[in-house]
Amino acid sequence: MPQRYLIGVAGISISGYTDQGVAIDRVVPTTTGPGYDMTIGLQPIADLGLQEHVSVVSGLEIPWEENGVIPAGGRRYLFHAWSLAPLISGVRSQLDTEAAQGETSDRIVARAIAGDTAHRCPHFRVQAAYYRGDNGNGGARGRISYRDDNGTIIPDDPIVDPYLAFQSLFSTFVPPDPRRGRGGRVPAASAQERRRHGRRRHRGAAAQARRRRQDPNGAAPRRAARARDAARADRAADRGCLHVARAAQAGLADRRCGRERRHAGLRRGRRLFGRGDPRRDPHRSRGDGVRLRPLARRRDHVHDGAVLLERAAALSGAQRLS
């Protein structure tokens, strides 16, 4: 099983809570040894069935400055930012900087277990900036990894951008199957397969070119829709449903695009009532002129056509269509 070493830092308080005057800890177990009790902070470990594989070390302490002197492995008396340096490196912090003064543990462990791993010591930052709003003190508040370069401690800035993090991990990935090429495509393994693949591409391109020659304006779908409407009108006429047939015939002119389709209902009304009569012109608003609402897009033409024809019959004094 591959060995992995992970170190993470989060500014989370795990103690200092009181319940009716009694101090309680949300993370540290109250018992030691195998089968330690689960606290609310560790409960996910038990939920995943990993308790027997996870050890919790508690009771550690980072010493702090007294009378201007920082002890070995210690920190300045200020708690928050100065605790990070000795925590990740084991080397005492300085009074004038929050940066680590020694190589961090991730670099030391990487030299021991990384071997020929492609990414020996990647590091990422989930929180883009220090929780107070910046990565001050020369950026030290945003770093947890430092390497030793011939006695000089050099900080390594973590990756914050998720896209760059993904690229850094997987852009150099080599699939175990040598046949799999870039982008997941499997190239032809033989000349015969390449010829077969070329023929398929040629046939597809030829068919597409043939369709463009036969139907350069893409009118075939519209012709098919008009043919369906015509067949529907014929069937309705055979059954004696006059208003359905007329509505279906009117629907032939309603298969248009954009603005024309929205006003197809008004055009049908103008055609039925006539333009010359102001009283019956649906586009005239003065006097007692009749105004018809335009049909909504792709509404049922049978229903709207029937209503339209019935209104036409009522206004012309004819008998209502059945």
C-alpha atoms as a PDB file:
ATOM      1  CA  MET A   1       0.000   0.000   0.000  1.00  0.00           C
ATOM      2  CA  PRO A   2       1.485   3.405  -0.939  1.00  0.00           C
ATOM      3  CA  GLN A   3       2.616   5.510   1.994  1.00  0.00           C
ATOM      4  CA  ARG A   4       1.298   9.031   2.236  1.00  0.00           C
ATOM      5  CA  TYR A   5       1.990  11.861   4.639  1.00  0.00           C
ATOM      6  CA  LEU A   6      -0.435  14.743   4.960  1.00  0.00           C
ATOM      7  CA  ILE A   7      -0.180  17.840   7.081  1.00  0.00           C
ATOM      8  CA  GLY A   8      -2.933  20.408   7.269  1.00  0.00           C
ATOM      9  CA  VAL A   9      -3.515  23.543   9.278  1.00  0.00           C
ATOM     10  CA  ALA A  10      -6.890  25.066  10.073  1.00  0.00           C
ATOM     11  CA  GLY A  11      -7.670  27.878  12.465  1.00  0.00           C
ATOM     12  CA  ILE A  12     -10.291  25.969  14.433  1.00  0.00           C
ATOM     13  CA  SER A  13     -10.783  26.078  18.172  1.00  0.00           C
ATOM     14  CA  ILE A  14     -11.225  22.584  19.631  1.00  0.00           C
ATOM     15  CA  SER A  15     -11.328  23.379  23.340  1.00  0.00           C
ATOM     16  CA  GLY A  16     -12.239  26.076  25.790  1.00  0.00           C
ATOM     17  CA  TYR A  17     -15.947  25.261  25.817  1.00  0.00           C
ATOM     18  CA  THR A  18     -17.880  25.027  29.041  1.00  0.00           C
ATOM     19  CA  ASP A  19     -21.126  23.293  29.844  1.00  0.00           C
ATOM     20  CA  GLN A  20     -22.682  24.500  33.105  1.00  0.00           C
ATOM     21  CA  GLY A  21     -19.270  25.589  34.307  1.00  0.00           C
ATOM     22  CA  VAL A  22     -17.516  22.347  33.288  1.00  0.00           C
ATOM     23  CA  ALA A  23     -14.801  22.574  30.613  1.00  0.00           C
ATOM     24  CA  ILE A  24     -15.416  20.249  27.674  1.00  0.00           C
ATOM     25  CA  ASP A  25     -13.452  19.359  24.538  1.00  0.00           C
ATOM     26  CA  ARG A  26     -15.203  18.747  21.215  1.00  0.00           C
ATOM     27  CA  VAL A  27     -12.335  16.751  19.669  1.00  0.00           C
ATOM     28  CA  VAL A  28      -9.895  15.182  22.138  1.00  0.00           C
ATOM     29  CA  PRO A  29     -11.134  11.813  23.502  1.00  0.00           C
ATOM     30  CA  THR A  30     -11.463  11.397  27.245  1.00  0.00           C
ATOM     31  CA  THR A  31      -9.988   7.868  27.138  1.00  0.00           C
ATOM     32  CA  THR A  32      -6.734   6.567  25.666  1.00  0.00           C
ATOM     33  CA  GLY A  33      -5.653   3.402  23.902  1.00  0.00           C
ATOM     34  CA  PRO A  34      -7.514   1.276  21.352  1.00  0.00           C
ATOM     35  CA  GLY A  35     -11.246   1.833  21.337  1.00  0.00           C
ATOM     36  CA  TYR A  36     -10.982   5.426  22.534  1.00  0.00           C
ATOM     37  CA  ASP A  37     -14.316   7.155  22.940  1.00  0.00           C
ATOM     38  CA  MET A  38     -15.748   9.158  20.060  1.00  0.00           C
ATOM     39  CA  THR A  39     -16.269  12.890  20.437  1.00  0.00           C
ATOM     40  CA  ILE A  40     -18.467  14.999  18.209  1.00  0.00           C
ATOM     41  CA  GLY A  41     -15.404  16.225  16.311  1.00  0.00           C
ATOM     42  CA  LEU A  42     -14.159  12.683  15.584  1.00  0.00           C
ATOM     43  CA  GLN A  43     -17.520  11.067  14.896  1.00  0.00           C
ATOM     44  CA  PRO A  44     -17.043  11.002  11.081  1.00  0.00           C
ATOM     45  CA  ILE A  45     -14.065   8.659  11.611  1.00  0.00           C
ATOM     46  CA  ALA A  46     -16.329   6.177  13.378  1.00  0.00           C
ATOM     47  CA  ASP A  47     -19.089   6.625  10.791  1.00  0.00           C
ATOM     48  CA  LEU A  48     -16.650   5.559   8.062  1.00  0.00           C
ATOM     49  CA  GLY A  49     -15.422   2.582  10.082  1.00  0.00           C
ATOM     50  CA  LEU A  50     -11.874   3.943  10.325  1.00  0.00           C
ATOM     51  CA  GLN A  51     -11.416   4.253  14.072  1.00  0.00           C
ATOM     52  CA  GLU A  52      -9.076   1.263  14.331  1.00  0.00           C
ATOM     53  CA  HIS A  53      -6.842   2.820  11.662  1.00  0.00           C
ATOM     54  CA  VAL A  54      -6.678   6.339  13.134  1.00  0.00           C
ATOM     55  CA  SER A  55      -4.611   7.336  16.151  1.00  0.00           C
ATOM     56  CA  VAL A  56      -5.222  10.596  17.990  1.00  0.00           C
ATOM     57  CA  VAL A  57      -2.271  12.197  19.777  1.00  0.00           C
ATOM     58  CA  SER A  58      -3.179  14.739  22.442  1.00  0.00           C
ATOM     59  CA  GLY A  59      -1.573  16.505  25.362  1.00  0.00           C
ATOM     60  CA  LEU A  60       1.119  18.264  23.299  1.00  0.00           C
ATOM     61  CA  GLU A  61       2.129  21.829  24.016  1.00  0.00           C
ATOM     62  CA  ILE A  62       4.131  24.516  22.217  1.00  0.00           C
ATOM     63  CA  PRO A  63       6.137  26.527  24.762  1.00  0.00           C
ATOM     64  CA  TRP A  64       6.013  30.301  24.566  1.00  0.00           C
ATOM     65  CA  GLU A  65       8.204  33.326  25.087  1.00  0.00           C
ATOM     66  CA  GLU A  66       9.080  34.495  28.585  1.00  0.00           C
ATOM     67  CA  ASN A  67      10.981  37.725  29.286  1.00  0.00           C
ATOM     68  CA  GLY A  68      11.736  38.169  25.582  1.00  0.00           C
ATOM     69  CA  VAL A  69      13.270  34.700  25.182  1.00  0.00           C
ATOM     70  CA  ILE A  70      11.632  32.078  22.949  1.00  0.00           C
ATOM     71  CA  PRO A  71      12.512  28.525  24.038  1.00  0.00           C
ATOM     72  CA  ALA A  72      13.464  25.733  21.635  1.00  0.00           C
ATOM     73  CA  GLY A  73      10.486  24.677  19.545  1.00  0.00           C
ATOM     74  CA  GLY A  74       8.542  27.584  21.004  1.00  0.00           C
ATOM     75  CA  ARG A  75       6.648  30.620  19.840  1.00  0.00           C
ATOM     76  CA  ARG A  76       6.198  34.249  20.668  1.00  0.00           C
ATOM     77  CA  TYR A  77       3.693  34.901  23.410  1.00  0.00           C
ATOM     78  CA  LEU A  78       1.165  36.013  20.793  1.00  0.00           C
ATOM     79  CA  PHE A  79      -0.877  32.929  20.088  1.00  0.00           C
ATOM     80  CA  HIS A  80      -2.395  32.876  16.610  1.00  0.00           C
ATOM     81  CA  ALA A  81       0.099  33.537  13.823  1.00  0.00           C
ATOM     82  CA  TRP A  82       3.285  32.695  15.763  1.00  0.00           C
ATOM     83  CA  SER A  83       2.083  29.177  16.607  1.00  0.00           C
ATOM     84  CA  LEU A  84       2.309  28.036  12.979  1.00  0.00           C
ATOM     85  CA  ALA A  85       6.103  28.131  12.546  1.00  0.00           C
ATOM     86  CA  PRO A  86       7.047  25.728  15.375  1.00  0.00           C
ATOM     87  CA  LEU A  87       4.014  23.556  14.619  1.00  0.00           C
ATOM     88  CA  ILE A  88       5.061  22.759  11.034  1.00  0.00           C
ATOM     89  CA  SER A  89       8.850  22.809  11.452  1.00  0.00           C
ATOM     90  CA  GLY A  90       9.668  22.112  15.108  1.00  0.00           C
ATOM     91  CA  VAL A  91      11.979  25.152  15.117  1.00  0.00           C
ATOM     92  CA  ARG A  92      11.350  28.143  17.332  1.00  0.00           C
ATOM     93  CA  SER A  93       9.802  31.207  15.717  1.00  0.00           C
ATOM     94  CA  GLN A  94      11.369  34.660  15.689  1.00  0.00           C
ATOM     95  CA  LEU A  95      10.160  37.819  17.367  1.00  0.00           C
ATOM     96  CA  ASP A  96      10.042  39.802  14.115  1.00  0.00           C
ATOM     97  CA  THR A  97       8.565  37.316  11.638  1.00  0.00           C
ATOM     98  CA  GLU A  98       5.925  34.617  11.459  1.00  0.00           C
ATOM     99  CA  ALA A  99       7.797  32.575   8.830  1.00  0.00           C
ATOM    100  CA  ALA A 100       9.127  29.127   9.705  1.00  0.00           C
ATOM    101  CA  GLN A 101      12.837  29.046  10.534  1.00  0.00           C
ATOM    102  CA  GLY A 102      13.426  25.432   9.568  1.00  0.00           C
ATOM    103  CA  GLU A 103      12.453  22.912   6.919  1.00  0.00           C
ATOM    104  CA  THR A 104       8.901  21.713   7.384  1.00  0.00           C
ATOM    105  CA  SER A 105       7.982  18.120   8.130  1.00  0.00           C
ATOM    106  CA  ASP A 106       6.382  17.492   4.733  1.00  0.00           C
ATOM    107  CA  ARG A 107       9.728  18.079   3.000  1.00  0.00           C
ATOM    108  CA  ILE A 108      11.613  15.860   5.421  1.00  0.00           C
ATOM    109  CA  VAL A 109       9.160  12.975   5.034  1.00  0.00           C
ATOM    110  CA  ALA A 110       9.067  13.376   1.235  1.00  0.00           C
ATOM    111  CA  ARG A 111      12.798  12.714   1.027  1.00  0.00           C
ATOM    112  CA  ALA A 112      12.287   9.493   2.959  1.00  0.00           C
ATOM    113  CA  ILE A 113       9.234   7.973   1.240  1.00  0.00           C
ATOM    114  CA  ALA A 114       8.594   9.795  -2.060  1.00  0.00           C
ATOM    115  CA  GLY A 115      11.040   7.807  -4.178  1.00  0.00           C
ATOM    116  CA  ASP A 116      10.417   8.469  -7.881  1.00  0.00           C
ATOM    117  CA  THR A 117       6.906   9.850  -7.340  1.00  0.00           C
ATOM    118  CA  ALA A 118       6.033  12.458  -9.964  1.00  0.00           C
ATOM    119  CA  HIS A 119       4.656  14.903  -7.389  1.00  0.00           C
ATOM    120  CA  ARG A 120       6.924  14.541  -4.403  1.00  0.00           C
ATOM    121  CA  CYS A 121       5.450  17.260  -2.234  1.00  0.00           C
ATOM    122  CA  PRO A 122       2.448  19.127  -3.629  1.00  0.00           C
ATOM    123  CA  HIS A 123       0.732  21.650  -1.393  1.00  0.00           C
ATOM    124  CA  PHE A 124      -2.547  23.475  -1.804  1.00  0.00           C
ATOM    125  CA  ARG A 125      -4.500  26.116   0.060  1.00  0.00           C
ATOM    126  CA  VAL A 126      -8.269  25.872   0.362  1.00  0.00           C
ATOM    127  CA  GLN A 127      -8.679  29.307   1.912  1.00  0.00           C
ATOM    128  CA  ALA A 128      -7.418  31.910  -0.542  1.00  0.00           C
ATOM    129  CA  ALA A 129      -6.314  34.319   2.171  1.00  0.00           C
ATOM    130  CA  TYR A 130      -5.614  34.437   5.876  1.00  0.00           C
ATOM    131  CA  TYR A 131      -8.849  34.477   7.818  1.00  0.00           C
ATOM    132  CA  ARG A 132      -8.265  38.099   8.798  1.00  0.00           C
ATOM    133  CA  GLY A 133      -8.391  39.068   5.128  1.00  0.00           C
ATOM    134  CA  ASP A 134      -4.776  39.037   3.902  1.00  0.00           C
ATOM    135  CA  ASN A 135      -1.575  37.010   3.838  1.00  0.00           C
ATOM    136  CA  GLY A 136       0.484  39.596   5.640  1.00  0.00           C
ATOM    137  CA  ASN A 137       3.956  39.401   7.129  1.00  0.00           C
ATOM    138  CA  GLY A 138       5.500  38.848   3.711  1.00  0.00           C
ATOM    139  CA  GLY A 139       2.961  36.176   2.806  1.00  0.00           C
ATOM    140  CA  ALA A 140       3.964  33.911   5.706  1.00  0.00           C
ATOM    141  CA  ARG A 141       0.397  33.617   6.916  1.00  0.00           C
ATOM    142  CA  GLY A 142      -0.534  31.773   3.726  1.00  0.00           C
ATOM    143  CA  ARG A 143       2.284  29.180   3.704  1.00  0.00           C
ATOM    144  CA  ILE A 144       2.808  25.864   5.470  1.00  0.00           C
ATOM    145  CA  SER A 145       5.705  24.450   3.421  1.00  0.00           C
ATOM    146  CA  TYR A 146       9.382  25.480   3.554  1.00  0.00           C
ATOM    147  CA  ARG A 147      12.389  23.678   2.059  1.00  0.00           C
ATOM    148  CA  ASP A 148      16.063  23.743   2.983  1.00  0.00           C
ATOM    149  CA  ASP A 149      18.256  24.754   0.023  1.00  0.00           C
ATOM    150  CA  ASN A 150      21.871  24.332   1.216  1.00  0.00           C
ATOM    151  CA  GLY A 151      21.137  25.947   4.545  1.00  0.00           C
ATOM    152  CA  THR A 152      18.734  28.588   3.233  1.00  0.00           C
ATOM    153  CA  ILE A 153      15.079  28.172   4.167  1.00  0.00           C
ATOM    154  CA  ILE A 154      12.936  28.927   1.121  1.00  0.00           C
ATOM    155  CA  PRO A 155       9.144  29.203   1.355  1.00  0.00           C
ATOM    156  CA  ASP A 156       6.894  27.516  -1.184  1.00  0.00           C
ATOM    157  CA  ASP A 157       3.673  29.270  -2.071  1.00  0.00           C
ATOM    158  CA  PRO A 158       0.712  26.881  -2.269  1.00  0.00           C
ATOM    159  CA  ILE A 159      -1.664  26.558  -5.212  1.00  0.00           C
ATOM    160  CA  VAL A 160      -4.987  28.316  -4.625  1.00  0.00           C
ATOM    161  CA  ASP A 161      -6.676  28.081  -8.044  1.00  0.00           C
ATOM    162  CA  PRO A 162      -8.586  24.747  -8.389  1.00  0.00           C
ATOM    163  CA  TYR A 163      -7.915  24.691 -12.141  1.00  0.00           C
ATOM    164  CA  LEU A 164      -4.173  25.034 -11.638  1.00  0.00           C
ATOM    165  CA  ALA A 165      -4.307  22.389  -8.926  1.00  0.00           C
ATOM    166  CA  PHE A 166      -5.941  19.922 -11.312  1.00  0.00           C
ATOM    167  CA  GLN A 167      -3.484  20.739 -14.094  1.00  0.00           C
ATOM    168  CA  SER A 168      -0.496  20.322 -11.803  1.00  0.00           C
ATOM    169  CA  LEU A 169      -1.649  16.851 -10.760  1.00  0.00           C
ATOM    170  CA  PHE A 170      -2.991  15.368 -13.990  1.00  0.00           C
ATOM    171  CA  SER A 171      -1.511  17.219 -16.986  1.00  0.00           C
ATOM    172  CA  THR A 172       1.508  14.872 -17.056  1.00  0.00           C
ATOM    173  CA  PHE A 173      -0.486  11.709 -16.415  1.00  0.00           C
ATOM    174  CA  VAL A 174       0.487   8.764 -18.644  1.00  0.00           C
ATOM    175  CA  PRO A 175      -2.301   6.167 -19.059  1.00  0.00           C
ATOM    176  CA  PRO A 176      -1.297   2.571 -18.288  1.00  0.00           C
ATOM    177  CA  ASP A 177      -2.696   1.450 -21.668  1.00  0.00           C
ATOM    178  CA  PRO A 178      -0.134   2.490 -24.333  1.00  0.00           C
ATOM    179  CA  ARG A 179      -2.859   2.467 -26.999  1.00  0.00           C
ATOM    180  CA  ARG A 180      -4.751   5.256 -25.329  1.00  0.00           C
ATOM    181  CA  GLY A 181      -3.711   8.589 -26.735  1.00  0.00           C
ATOM    182  CA  ARG A 182      -4.184  12.159 -25.677  1.00  0.00           C
ATOM    183  CA  GLY A 183      -7.793  13.077 -24.953  1.00  0.00           C
ATOM    184  CA  GLY A 184      -8.835   9.461 -24.296  1.00  0.00           C
ATOM    185  CA  ARG A 185      -9.012   8.482 -27.997  1.00  0.00           C
ATOM    186  CA  VAL A 186      -7.834   5.030 -29.031  1.00  0.00           C
ATOM    187  CA  PRO A 187      -5.878   5.230 -32.312  1.00  0.00           C
ATOM    188  CA  ALA A 188      -6.225   2.527 -34.947  1.00  0.00           C
ATOM    189  CA  ALA A 189      -3.932  -0.391 -34.233  1.00  0.00           C
ATOM    190  CA  SER A 190      -3.407  -1.389 -37.852  1.00  0.00           C
ATOM    191  CA  ALA A 191      -3.529  -0.053 -41.391  1.00  0.00           C
ATOM    192  CA  GLN A 192      -6.774  -1.959 -41.938  1.00  0.00           C
ATOM    193  CA  GLU A 193      -8.435  -0.217 -39.011  1.00  0.00           C
ATOM    194  CA  ARG A 194      -7.191   3.150 -40.246  1.00  0.00           C
ATOM    195  CA  ARG A 195      -8.651   2.509 -43.692  1.00  0.00           C
ATOM    196  CA  ARG A 196     -11.971   1.421 -42.188  1.00  0.00           C
ATOM    197  CA  HIS A 197     -12.090   4.504 -39.991  1.00  0.00           C
ATOM    198  CA  GLY A 198     -11.272   6.708 -43.005  1.00  0.00           C
ATOM    199  CA  ARG A 199     -14.077   5.163 -45.036  1.00  0.00           C
ATOM    200  CA  ARG A 200     -16.562   5.831 -42.253  1.00  0.00           C
ATOM    201  CA  ARG A 201     -15.490   9.456 -42.056  1.00  0.00           C
ATOM    202  CA  HIS A 202     -15.684   9.797 -45.850  1.00  0.00           C
ATOM    203  CA  ARG A 203     -19.181   8.330 -45.966  1.00  0.00           C
ATOM    204  CA  GLY A 204     -20.355  10.642 -43.215  1.00  0.00           C
ATOM    205  CA  ALA A 205     -18.887  13.720 -44.903  1.00  0.00           C
ATOM    206  CA  ALA A 206     -20.337  12.678 -48.275  1.00  0.00           C
ATOM    207  CA  ALA A 207     -23.798  12.210 -46.776  1.00  0.00           C
ATOM    208  CA  GLN A 208     -23.623  15.611 -45.112  1.00  0.00           C
ATOM    209  CA  ALA A 209     -22.558  17.271 -48.376  1.00  0.00           C
ATOM    210  CA  ARG A 210     -25.366  15.504 -50.225  1.00  0.00           C
ATOM    211  CA  ARG A 211     -27.930  16.795 -47.737  1.00  0.00           C
ATOM    212  CA  ARG A 212     -26.593  20.319 -48.165  1.00  0.00           C
ATOM    213  CA  ARG A 213     -26.888  20.068 -51.941  1.00  0.00           C
ATOM    214  CA  GLN A 214     -30.416  18.675 -51.808  1.00  0.00           C
ATOM    215  CA  ASP A 215     -31.643  21.050 -49.121  1.00  0.00           C
ATOM    216  CA  PRO A 216     -29.328  24.100 -49.019  1.00  0.00           C
ATOM    217  CA  ASN A 217     -31.721  26.197 -46.913  1.00  0.00           C
ATOM    218  CA  GLY A 218     -32.724  23.479 -44.467  1.00  0.00           C
ATOM    219  CA  ALA A 219     -36.339  23.620 -45.658  1.00  0.00           C
ATOM    220  CA  ALA A 220     -36.977  19.883 -45.470  1.00  0.00           C
ATOM    221  CA  PRO A 221     -38.205  19.912 -41.829  1.00  0.00           C
ATOM    222  CA  ARG A 222     -40.585  22.772 -42.625  1.00  0.00           C
ATOM    223  CA  ARG A 223     -41.927  20.947 -45.662  1.00  0.00           C
ATOM    224  CA  ALA A 224     -42.516  17.864 -43.543  1.00  0.00           C
ATOM    225  CA  ALA A 225     -44.461  19.928 -40.985  1.00  0.00           C
ATOM    226  CA  ARG A 226     -46.634  21.447 -43.707  1.00  0.00           C
ATOM    227  CA  ALA A 227     -47.292  17.990 -45.123  1.00  0.00           C
ATOM    228  CA  ARG A 228     -48.446  16.781 -41.695  1.00  0.00           C
ATOM    229  CA  ASP A 229     -50.821  19.735 -41.382  1.00  0.00           C
ATOM    230  CA  ALA A 230     -52.220  19.095 -44.854  1.00  0.00           C
ATOM    231  CA  ALA A 231     -52.798  15.427 -44.070  1.00  0.00           C
ATOM    232  CA  ARG A 232     -54.490  16.402 -40.821  1.00  0.00           C
ATOM    233  CA  ALA A 233     -56.813  18.768 -42.670  1.00  0.00           C
ATOM    234  CA  ASP A 234     -57.709  16.079 -45.204  1.00  0.00           C
ATOM    235  CA  ARG A 235     -58.563  13.574 -42.485  1.00  0.00           C
ATOM    236  CA  ALA A 236     -60.711  16.118 -40.664  1.00  0.00           C
ATOM    237  CA  ALA A 237     -62.563  17.015 -43.872  1.00  0.00           C
ATOM    238  CA  ASP A 238     -63.283  13.350 -44.543  1.00  0.00           C
ATOM    239  CA  ARG A 239     -64.860  13.064 -41.087  1.00  0.00           C
ATOM    240  CA  GLY A 240     -66.997  16.149 -41.699  1.00  0.00           C
ATOM    241  CA  CYS A 241     -65.271  18.279 -39.069  1.00  0.00           C
ATOM    242  CA  LEU A 242     -65.305  21.510 -41.060  1.00  0.00           C
ATOM    243  CA  HIS A 243     -63.916  23.804 -38.388  1.00  0.00           C
ATOM    244  CA  VAL A 244     -61.089  21.386 -37.582  1.00  0.00           C
ATOM    245  CA  ALA A 245     -60.182  21.159 -41.261  1.00  0.00           C
ATOM    246  CA  ARG A 246     -60.150  24.931 -41.692  1.00  0.00           C
ATOM    247  CA  ALA A 247     -58.132  25.388 -38.536  1.00  0.00           C
ATOM    248  CA  ALA A 248     -55.601  22.818 -39.722  1.00  0.00           C
ATOM    249  CA  GLN A 249     -55.378  24.556 -43.074  1.00  0.00           C
ATOM    250  CA  ALA A 250     -54.829  27.861 -41.310  1.00  0.00           C
ATOM    251  CA  GLY A 251     -52.067  26.179 -39.338  1.00  0.00           C
ATOM    252  CA  LEU A 252     -50.117  25.681 -42.559  1.00  0.00           C
ATOM    253  CA  ALA A 253     -49.414  29.397 -42.673  1.00  0.00           C
ATOM    254  CA  ASP A 254     -48.586  29.498 -38.977  1.00  0.00           C
ATOM    255  CA  ARG A 255     -45.280  27.606 -39.195  1.00  0.00           C
ATOM    256  CA  ARG A 256     -42.999  30.567 -39.415  1.00  0.00           C
ATOM    257  CA  CYS A 257     -40.085  31.864 -37.408  1.00  0.00           C
ATOM    258  CA  GLY A 258     -39.640  34.681 -34.913  1.00  0.00           C
ATOM    259  CA  ARG A 259     -41.938  37.667 -35.227  1.00  0.00           C
ATOM    260  CA  GLU A 260     -44.079  36.228 -38.042  1.00  0.00           C
ATOM    261  CA  ARG A 261     -45.140  33.240 -35.970  1.00  0.00           C
ATOM    262  CA  ARG A 262     -46.273  35.440 -33.075  1.00  0.00           C
ATOM    263  CA  HIS A 263     -48.647  37.405 -35.333  1.00  0.00           C
ATOM    264  CA  ALA A 264     -50.017  34.514 -37.363  1.00  0.00           C
ATOM    265  CA  GLY A 265     -53.306  34.688 -35.494  1.00  0.00           C
ATOM    266  CA  LEU A 266     -53.828  38.347 -36.416  1.00  0.00           C
ATOM    267  CA  ARG A 267     -53.016  37.659 -40.036  1.00  0.00           C
ATOM    268  CA  ARG A 268     -55.618  34.923 -40.160  1.00  0.00           C
ATOM    269  CA  GLY A 269     -58.132  37.279 -38.612  1.00  0.00           C
ATOM    270  CA  ARG A 270     -57.377  39.964 -41.195  1.00  0.00           C
ATOM    271  CA  ARG A 271     -57.767  37.425 -43.964  1.00  0.00           C
ATOM    272  CA  LEU A 272     -61.158  36.270 -42.671  1.00  0.00           C
ATOM    273  CA  PHE A 273     -62.641  39.675 -41.837  1.00  0.00           C
ATOM    274  CA  GLY A 274     -61.154  41.662 -44.731  1.00  0.00           C
ATOM    275  CA  ARG A 275     -59.062  44.822 -44.698  1.00  0.00           C
ATOM    276  CA  GLY A 276     -61.541  47.296 -46.119  1.00  0.00           C
ATOM    277  CA  ASP A 277     -64.061  47.362 -43.278  1.00  0.00           C
ATOM    278  CA  PRO A 278     -62.729  49.434 -40.322  1.00  0.00           C
ATOM    279  CA  ARG A 279     -65.277  47.846 -38.053  1.00  0.00           C
ATOM    280  CA  ARG A 280     -64.011  44.365 -38.782  1.00  0.00           C
ATOM    281  CA  ASP A 281     -60.324  45.049 -39.221  1.00  0.00           C
ATOM    282  CA  PRO A 282     -58.611  43.495 -36.130  1.00  0.00           C
ATOM    283  CA  HIS A 283     -55.732  45.957 -36.491  1.00  0.00           C
ATOM    284  CA  ARG A 284     -57.998  48.993 -36.099  1.00  0.00           C
ATOM    285  CA  SER A 285     -58.691  50.190 -32.581  1.00  0.00           C
ATOM    286  CA  ARG A 286     -61.143  53.067 -33.044  1.00  0.00           C
ATOM    287  CA  GLY A 287     -64.913  52.729 -32.728  1.00  0.00           C
ATOM    288  CA  ASP A 288     -66.270  49.272 -32.108  1.00  0.00           C
ATOM    289  CA  GLY A 289     -63.476  47.541 -34.045  1.00  0.00           C
ATOM    290  CA  VAL A 290     -62.770  43.955 -33.110  1.00  0.00           C
ATOM    291  CA  ARG A 291     -59.331  43.102 -31.689  1.00  0.00           C
ATOM    292  CA  LEU A 292     -58.157  39.523 -31.572  1.00  0.00           C
ATOM    293  CA  ARG A 293     -55.321  38.470 -29.318  1.00  0.00           C
ATOM    294  CA  PRO A 294     -52.379  36.918 -31.191  1.00  0.00           C
ATOM    295  CA  LEU A 295     -51.855  33.229 -30.677  1.00  0.00           C
ATOM    296  CA  ALA A 296     -49.095  32.249 -28.277  1.00  0.00           C
ATOM    297  CA  ARG A 297     -46.149  30.368 -29.697  1.00  0.00           C
ATOM    298  CA  ARG A 298     -46.929  26.793 -30.628  1.00  0.00           C
ATOM    299  CA  ARG A 299     -50.381  26.719 -29.138  1.00  0.00           C
ATOM    300  CA  ASP A 300     -52.915  24.118 -30.243  1.00  0.00           C
ATOM    301  CA  HIS A 301     -53.971  25.338 -33.704  1.00  0.00           C
ATOM    302  CA  VAL A 302     -57.130  23.244 -33.670  1.00  0.00           C
ATOM    303  CA  HIS A 303     -58.503  24.955 -30.579  1.00  0.00           C
ATOM    304  CA  ASP A 304     -57.478  28.491 -31.579  1.00  0.00           C
ATOM    305  CA  GLY A 305     -58.593  27.988 -35.175  1.00  0.00           C
ATOM    306  CA  ALA A 306     -62.039  26.892 -34.035  1.00  0.00           C
ATOM    307  CA  VAL A 307     -62.400  29.955 -31.799  1.00  0.00           C
ATOM    308  CA  LEU A 308     -61.274  32.209 -34.636  1.00  0.00           C
ATOM    309  CA  LEU A 309     -63.725  30.755 -37.141  1.00  0.00           C
ATOM    310  CA  GLU A 310     -66.570  30.943 -34.621  1.00  0.00           C
ATOM    311  CA  ARG A 311     -65.871  34.630 -34.050  1.00  0.00           C
ATOM    312  CA  ALA A 312     -65.814  35.202 -37.798  1.00  0.00           C
ATOM    313  CA  ALA A 313     -69.181  33.503 -38.182  1.00  0.00           C
ATOM    314  CA  ALA A 314     -70.695  35.519 -35.312  1.00  0.00           C
ATOM    315  CA  LEU A 315     -69.521  38.849 -36.707  1.00  0.00           C
ATOM    316  CA  SER A 316     -70.683  38.070 -40.253  1.00  0.00           C
ATOM    317  CA  GLY A 317     -74.103  36.950 -39.044  1.00  0.00           C
ATOM    318  CA  ALA A 318     -73.591  33.418 -40.304  1.00  0.00           C
ATOM    319  CA  GLN A 319     -74.563  30.337 -38.403  1.00  0.00           C
ATOM    320  CA  ARG A 320     -71.990  29.149 -35.861  1.00  0.00           C
ATOM    321  CA  LEU A 321     -69.775  26.391 -37.192  1.00  0.00           C
ATOM    322  CA  SER A 322     -70.173  22.977 -35.664  1.00  0.00           C
END
